[in-house]
C-alpha atoms as a PDB file:
ATOM      1  CA  MET A   1     -14.798  -5.366  -1.642  1.00  0.00           C
ATOM      2  CA  GLN A   2     -13.243  -1.899  -1.537  1.00  0.00           C
ATOM      3  CA  VAL A   3     -14.017   0.929   0.860  1.00  0.00           C
ATOM      4  CA  LEU A   4     -12.761   4.496   1.052  1.00  0.00           C
ATOM      5  CA  ALA A   5     -14.339   6.259   4.021  1.00  0.00           C
ATOM      6  CA  THR A   6     -13.813   8.940   6.609  1.00  0.00           C
ATOM      7  CA  ALA A   7     -16.333   7.371   8.999  1.00  0.00           C
ATOM      8  CA  GLY A   8     -18.455   4.253   9.019  1.00  0.00           C
ATOM      9  CA  GLY A   9     -21.705   2.514   9.639  1.00  0.00           C
ATOM     10  CA  TYR A  10     -24.136  -0.318   8.850  1.00  0.00           C
ATOM     11  CA  TYR A  11     -25.843  -2.785  11.135  1.00  0.00           C
ATOM     12  CA  GLU A  12     -28.424  -5.470  10.527  1.00  0.00           C
ATOM     13  CA  ASN A  13     -30.017  -8.068  12.800  1.00  0.00           C
ATOM     14  CA  THR A  14     -32.442  -9.879  10.544  1.00  0.00           C
ATOM     15  CA  GLY A  15     -33.553 -12.598  12.926  1.00  0.00           C
ATOM     16  CA  ALA A  16     -30.138 -12.619  14.639  1.00  0.00           C
ATOM     17  CA  GLY A  17     -28.477 -13.370  11.331  1.00  0.00           C
ATOM     18  CA  LEU A  18     -26.372 -10.373  12.379  1.00  0.00           C
ATOM     19  CA  SER A  19     -24.329  -8.238  10.029  1.00  0.00           C
ATOM     20  CA  LEU A  20     -22.001  -5.458  11.087  1.00  0.00           C
ATOM     21  CA  SER A  21     -19.863  -3.350   8.776  1.00  0.00           C
ATOM     22  CA  TRP A  22     -17.926  -0.379  10.132  1.00  0.00           C
ATOM     23  CA  THR A  23     -14.993   1.692   8.905  1.00  0.00           C
ATOM     24  CA  LEU A  24     -13.311   4.229  11.168  1.00  0.00           C
ATOM     25  CA  GLY A  25      -9.786   4.817  12.450  1.00  0.00           C
ATOM     26  CA  GLU A  26      -6.451   3.330  11.535  1.00  0.00           C
ATOM     27  CA  PRO A  27      -6.096   0.544   8.961  1.00  0.00           C
ATOM     28  CA  ALA A  28      -6.017  -2.832  10.636  1.00  0.00           C
ATOM     29  CA  TYR A  29      -3.676  -5.670   9.923  1.00  0.00           C
ATOM     30  CA  THR A  30      -5.614  -8.555  11.437  1.00  0.00           C
ATOM     31  CA  THR A  31      -9.036 -10.149  11.218  1.00  0.00           C
ATOM     32  CA  LEU A  32     -10.608 -11.871  14.209  1.00  0.00           C
ATOM     33  CA  THR A  33     -12.705 -14.951  13.477  1.00  0.00           C
ATOM     34  CA  SER A  34     -14.729 -17.572  15.287  1.00  0.00           C
ATOM     35  CA  SER A  35     -16.876 -20.369  13.904  1.00  0.00           C
ATOM     36  CA  GLU A  36     -19.803 -17.964  13.447  1.00  0.00           C
ATOM     37  CA  ILE A  37     -18.397 -14.395  13.309  1.00  0.00           C
ATOM     38  CA  ILE A  38     -15.728 -12.558  11.322  1.00  0.00           C
ATOM     39  CA  LEU A  39     -14.602  -9.162  12.644  1.00  0.00           C
ATOM     40  CA  THR A  40     -12.364  -7.071  10.418  1.00  0.00           C
ATOM     41  CA  GLN A  41     -10.866  -4.188  12.364  1.00  0.00           C
ATOM     42  CA  GLY A  42     -10.339  -0.655  11.059  1.00  0.00           C
ATOM     43  CA  PHE A  43     -10.839  -0.024   7.362  1.00  0.00           C
ATOM     44  CA  GLN A  44     -12.612  -2.846   5.611  1.00  0.00           C
ATOM     45  CA  GLN A  45      -9.952  -4.945   4.007  1.00  0.00           C
ATOM     46  CA  GLY A  46     -10.289  -5.235   0.266  1.00  0.00           C
ATOM     47  CA  ASN A  47      -8.095  -4.971  -2.775  1.00  0.00           C
ATOM     48  CA  LEU A  48      -6.654  -1.465  -2.770  1.00  0.00           C
ATOM     49  CA  PHE A  49      -4.545  -1.977  -5.882  1.00  0.00           C
ATOM     50  CA  GLY A  50      -5.376  -3.761  -9.094  1.00  0.00           C
ATOM     51  CA  THR A  51      -3.520  -4.529 -12.251  1.00  0.00           C
ATOM     52  CA  ASN A  52      -4.035  -6.406 -15.480  1.00  0.00           C
ATOM     53  CA  LEU A  53      -0.653  -8.138 -15.093  1.00  0.00           C
ATOM     54  CA  GLU A  54       0.004 -11.254 -13.128  1.00  0.00           C
ATOM     55  CA  GLU A  55       1.687  -9.838 -10.050  1.00  0.00           C
ATOM     56  CA  ILE A  56       4.701 -11.566  -8.599  1.00  0.00           C
ATOM     57  CA  PRO A  57       5.190 -10.259  -5.069  1.00  0.00           C
ATOM     58  CA  MET A  58       8.684  -9.137  -4.110  1.00  0.00           C
ATOM     59  CA  ASP A  59      10.053 -10.538  -0.915  1.00  0.00           C
ATOM     60  CA  ALA A  60      10.959  -8.156   1.892  1.00  0.00           C
ATOM     61  CA  THR A  61      14.640  -8.055   0.884  1.00  0.00           C
ATOM     62  CA  ALA A  62      13.951  -7.115  -2.760  1.00  0.00           C
ATOM     63  CA  ILE A  63      13.190  -3.484  -1.935  1.00  0.00           C
ATOM     64  CA  ARG A  64      14.559  -1.039   0.605  1.00  0.00           C
ATOM     65  CA  VAL A  65      12.913   2.282   1.335  1.00  0.00           C
ATOM     66  CA  TYR A  66      15.026   4.655   3.398  1.00  0.00           C
ATOM     67  CA  PRO A  67      15.013   6.830   5.356  1.00  0.00           C
ATOM     68  CA  ASN A  68      11.628   5.953   6.760  1.00  0.00           C
ATOM     69  CA  PRO A  69      10.289   8.213   8.319  1.00  0.00           C
ATOM     70  CA  VAL A  70      11.302  10.691   5.624  1.00  0.00           C
ATOM     71  CA  THR A  71      11.330  14.485   5.552  1.00  0.00           C
ATOM     72  CA  SER A  72      12.116  15.332   1.922  1.00  0.00           C
ATOM     73  CA  THR A  73      13.708  12.611  -0.252  1.00  0.00           C
ATOM     74  CA  VAL A  74      13.221   8.868   0.028  1.00  0.00           C
ATOM     75  CA  ASN A  75      15.588   6.340  -1.532  1.00  0.00           C
ATOM     76  CA  ILE A  76      14.054   3.279  -3.196  1.00  0.00           C
ATOM     77  CA  ALA A  77      16.522   0.463  -3.815  1.00  0.00           C
ATOM     78  CA  VAL A  78      15.281  -2.511  -5.869  1.00  0.00           C
ATOM     79  CA  THR A  79      17.601  -5.518  -5.634  1.00  0.00           C
ATOM     80  CA  LEU A  80      15.881  -8.085  -7.829  1.00  0.00           C
ATOM     81  CA  PRO A  81      18.181 -10.372  -9.802  1.00  0.00           C
ATOM     82  CA  ASN A  82      18.175  -9.446 -13.513  1.00  0.00           C
ATOM     83  CA  ALA A  83      16.124  -6.303 -12.837  1.00  0.00           C
ATOM     84  CA  LYS A  84      16.144  -3.892 -15.759  1.00  0.00           C
ATOM     85  CA  GLY A  85      13.956  -1.373 -17.488  1.00  0.00           C
ATOM     86  CA  ARG A  86      11.412   0.843 -15.792  1.00  0.00           C
ATOM     87  CA  ALA A  87       9.617   0.760 -12.486  1.00  0.00           C
ATOM     88  CA  THR A  88       6.419   2.602 -11.678  1.00  0.00           C
ATOM     89  CA  VAL A  89       6.484   4.342  -8.300  1.00  0.00           C
ATOM     90  CA  GLU A  90       3.157   5.498  -6.862  1.00  0.00           C
ATOM     91  CA  VAL A  91       2.373   7.141  -3.534  1.00  0.00           C
ATOM     92  CA  TYR A  92      -1.117   6.788  -2.048  1.00  0.00           C
ATOM     93  CA  ASP A  93      -2.524   8.591   0.957  1.00  0.00           C
ATOM     94  CA  ILE A  94      -4.190   6.559   3.688  1.00  0.00           C
ATOM     95  CA  ALA A  95      -7.604   7.009   2.015  1.00  0.00           C
ATOM     96  CA  GLY A  96      -6.289   5.265  -1.113  1.00  0.00           C
ATOM     97  CA  ARG A  97      -5.962   8.370  -3.312  1.00  0.00           C
ATOM     98  CA  MET A  98      -2.883   8.502  -5.533  1.00  0.00           C
ATOM     99  CA  VAL A  99      -0.949  11.644  -4.584  1.00  0.00           C
ATOM    100  CA  LYS A 100       2.214  11.098  -6.627  1.00  0.00           C
ATOM    101  CA  SER A 101       3.216   8.900  -9.540  1.00  0.00           C
ATOM    102  CA  THR A 102       6.421   8.600 -11.513  1.00  0.00           C
ATOM    103  CA  SER A 103       8.324   6.235 -13.751  1.00  0.00           C
ATOM    104  CA  ALA A 104      11.835   5.329 -12.640  1.00  0.00           C
ATOM    105  CA  VAL A 105      14.643   3.857 -14.712  1.00  0.00           C
ATOM    106  CA  MET A 106      16.392   1.065 -12.837  1.00  0.00           C
ATOM    107  CA  VAL A 107      20.157   1.312 -13.174  1.00  0.00           C
ATOM    108  CA  GLY A 108      21.873  -1.661 -11.555  1.00  0.00           C
ATOM    109  CA  HIS A 109      21.249  -1.559  -7.832  1.00  0.00           C
ATOM    110  CA  GLU A 110      21.475   2.234  -7.501  1.00  0.00           C
ATOM    111  CA  PRO A 111      18.578   3.631  -5.452  1.00  0.00           C
ATOM    112  CA  TYR A 112      15.959   5.821  -7.083  1.00  0.00           C
ATOM    113  CA  ARG A 113      15.487   9.134  -5.225  1.00  0.00           C
ATOM    114  CA  LEU A 114      11.879  10.289  -4.867  1.00  0.00           C
ATOM    115  CA  ASP A 115      11.142  13.840  -3.693  1.00  0.00           C
ATOM    116  CA  VAL A 116       8.219  13.816  -1.241  1.00  0.00           C
ATOM    117  CA  SER A 117       8.884  17.252   0.290  1.00  0.00           C
ATOM    118  CA  SER A 118       5.618  18.647  -1.111  1.00  0.00           C
ATOM    119  CA  LEU A 119       3.498  16.013   0.662  1.00  0.00           C
ATOM    120  CA  PRO A 120       1.963  16.874   4.027  1.00  0.00           C
ATOM    121  CA  SER A 121       3.080  14.892   7.084  1.00  0.00           C
ATOM    122  CA  GLY A 122       1.288  11.580   7.429  1.00  0.00           C
ATOM    123  CA  ILE A 123       1.225   7.890   6.570  1.00  0.00           C
ATOM    124  CA  TYR A 124       1.380   6.843   2.919  1.00  0.00           C
ATOM    125  CA  LEU A 125       1.563   3.651   0.909  1.00  0.00           C
ATOM    126  CA  LEU A 126       4.433   3.478  -1.562  1.00  0.00           C
ATOM    127  CA  ARG A 127       3.782   1.061  -4.441  1.00  0.00           C
ATOM    128  CA  VAL A 128       6.683  -0.064  -6.616  1.00  0.00           C
ATOM    129  CA  ALA A 129       5.947  -2.129  -9.739  1.00  0.00           C
ATOM    130  CA  THR A 130       8.894  -3.339 -11.801  1.00  0.00           C
ATOM    131  CA  GLU A 131       8.683  -4.041 -15.500  1.00  0.00           C
ATOM    132  CA  SER A 132      11.258  -6.813 -15.884  1.00  0.00           C
ATOM    133  CA  PRO A 133      10.863  -9.031 -13.997  1.00  0.00           C
ATOM    134  CA  ALA A 134       7.222  -8.107 -13.331  1.00  0.00           C
ATOM    135  CA  ALA A 135       6.905  -7.649  -9.576  1.00  0.00           C
ATOM    136  CA  VAL A 136       4.943  -5.438  -7.178  1.00  0.00           C
ATOM    137  CA  ARG A 137       5.604  -4.373  -3.590  1.00  0.00           C
ATOM    138  CA  VAL A 138       3.748  -1.965  -1.302  1.00  0.00           C
ATOM    139  CA  VAL A 139       5.575  -0.355   1.632  1.00  0.00           C
ATOM    140  CA  LYS A 140       4.246   1.880   4.400  1.00  0.00           C
ATOM    141  CA  LEU A 141       5.961   5.280   4.234  1.00  0.00           C
ATOM    142  CA  VAL A 142       5.869   7.821   7.054  1.00  0.00           C
ATOM    143  CA  LYS A 143       6.355  11.476   6.049  1.00  0.00           C
ATOM    144  CA  GLU A 144       7.408  13.804   8.864  1.00  0.00           C
END
């Protein structure tokens, strides 16, 4: 299930079978459950990104994004063993729209510098997908 919305709605009570679906506010990071009810807070949680490759998630130490918050240029350091080739770097706004995309050449462990000065202040998702080894990581990026 995927949702992009600026507000929300939906309610149903068919014989107290109860269904509630609402999207409004900040993205949530937790889902509350009981034996009978599931409540997903904030934006409905679905798959924001898809790919036709088998994705191997990077662990938290495999990528560093700094400074964060950023004003003009963000450094992206990928420290995967045997990393080589290209990486795709994409920036999405909080509504899931891609606002910037580029291909970066990975040279050793030198950080890639991404200019985000043209983006308005806000919260973004930075997606880094490496070619070899195939790995994907999404990081929250705050632009001041």
